[in-house]
């Protein structure tokens, strides 16, 4: 938080692979680290970004 009480907030949309949680986690962590370097304090990711949205796509 800065001296005026403001936070820097970001929305991030990583490139994900359906069902590849390890790959998706790496992308999410990389984007979170990049945001932190830019002074972002809160980063919002899409729902189910870790699983690649839905495992039903695999069936």
Protein backbone atom coordinates (compact mmCIF):
# COMPACT_ATOMS: atom_id res chain seq x y z
CA UNK A 1 0.00 0.00 0.00
CA UNK A 2 1.37 3.41 -0.88
CA UNK A 3 1.31 6.58 1.23
CA UNK A 4 -2.18 7.45 -0.05
CA UNK A 5 -3.75 4.08 0.84
CA UNK A 6 -3.84 2.70 -2.72
CA UNK A 7 -3.03 -0.85 -3.79
CA UNK A 8 -1.85 -1.94 -7.21
CA UNK A 9 -4.13 -4.73 -8.47
CA UNK A 10 -3.76 -6.80 -11.65
CA UNK A 11 -5.69 -9.40 -13.61
CA UNK A 12 -3.63 -12.17 -15.19
CA UNK A 13 -4.63 -14.73 -17.79
CA UNK A 14 -1.95 -17.41 -18.15
CA UNK A 15 -1.65 -19.74 -21.12
CA UNK A 16 -2.79 -23.07 -19.65
CA UNK A 17 -2.95 -26.71 -20.70
CA UNK A 18 -6.04 -28.72 -19.79
CA UNK A 19 -5.22 -31.21 -17.05
CA UNK A 20 -1.51 -30.24 -16.83
CA UNK A 21 -1.44 -28.79 -13.30
CA UNK A 22 2.35 -28.71 -13.08
CA UNK A 23 2.68 -26.62 -16.26
CA UNK A 24 -0.19 -24.37 -15.22
CA UNK A 25 1.27 -23.84 -11.74
CA UNK A 26 4.61 -22.83 -13.25
CA UNK A 27 2.88 -20.26 -15.48
CA UNK A 28 0.83 -18.89 -12.56
CA UNK A 29 3.90 -18.56 -10.33
CA UNK A 30 5.89 -16.88 -13.11
CA UNK A 31 3.11 -14.35 -13.72
CA UNK A 32 2.72 -13.69 -9.98
CA UNK A 33 6.47 -13.06 -9.66
CA UNK A 34 6.41 -10.72 -12.66
CA UNK A 35 3.50 -8.82 -11.14
CA UNK A 36 5.33 -8.53 -7.80
CA UNK A 37 8.35 -7.06 -9.59
CA UNK A 38 6.02 -4.40 -11.00
CA UNK A 39 4.70 -3.53 -7.55
CA UNK A 40 1.40 -5.39 -7.80
CA UNK A 41 0.03 -6.44 -4.43
CA UNK A 42 -3.06 -8.42 -5.52
CA UNK A 43 -3.24 -10.58 -8.67
CA UNK A 44 -6.50 -12.18 -9.82
CA UNK A 45 -6.34 -15.31 -11.98
CA UNK A 46 -9.23 -17.03 -13.80
CA UNK A 47 -11.21 -19.63 -11.90
CA UNK A 48 -9.79 -23.14 -12.25
CA UNK A 49 -6.64 -21.85 -13.98
CA UNK A 50 -4.63 -24.52 -12.17
CA UNK A 51 -6.53 -27.40 -13.78
CA UNK A 52 -6.96 -25.71 -17.15
CA UNK A 53 -10.62 -24.94 -16.51
CA UNK A 54 -12.32 -28.30 -16.69
CA UNK A 55 -11.24 -31.90 -16.76
CA UNK A 56 -14.40 -32.67 -18.73
CA UNK A 57 -12.47 -31.45 -21.79
CA UNK A 58 -10.29 -34.56 -21.43
CA UNK A 59 -13.22 -36.95 -21.70
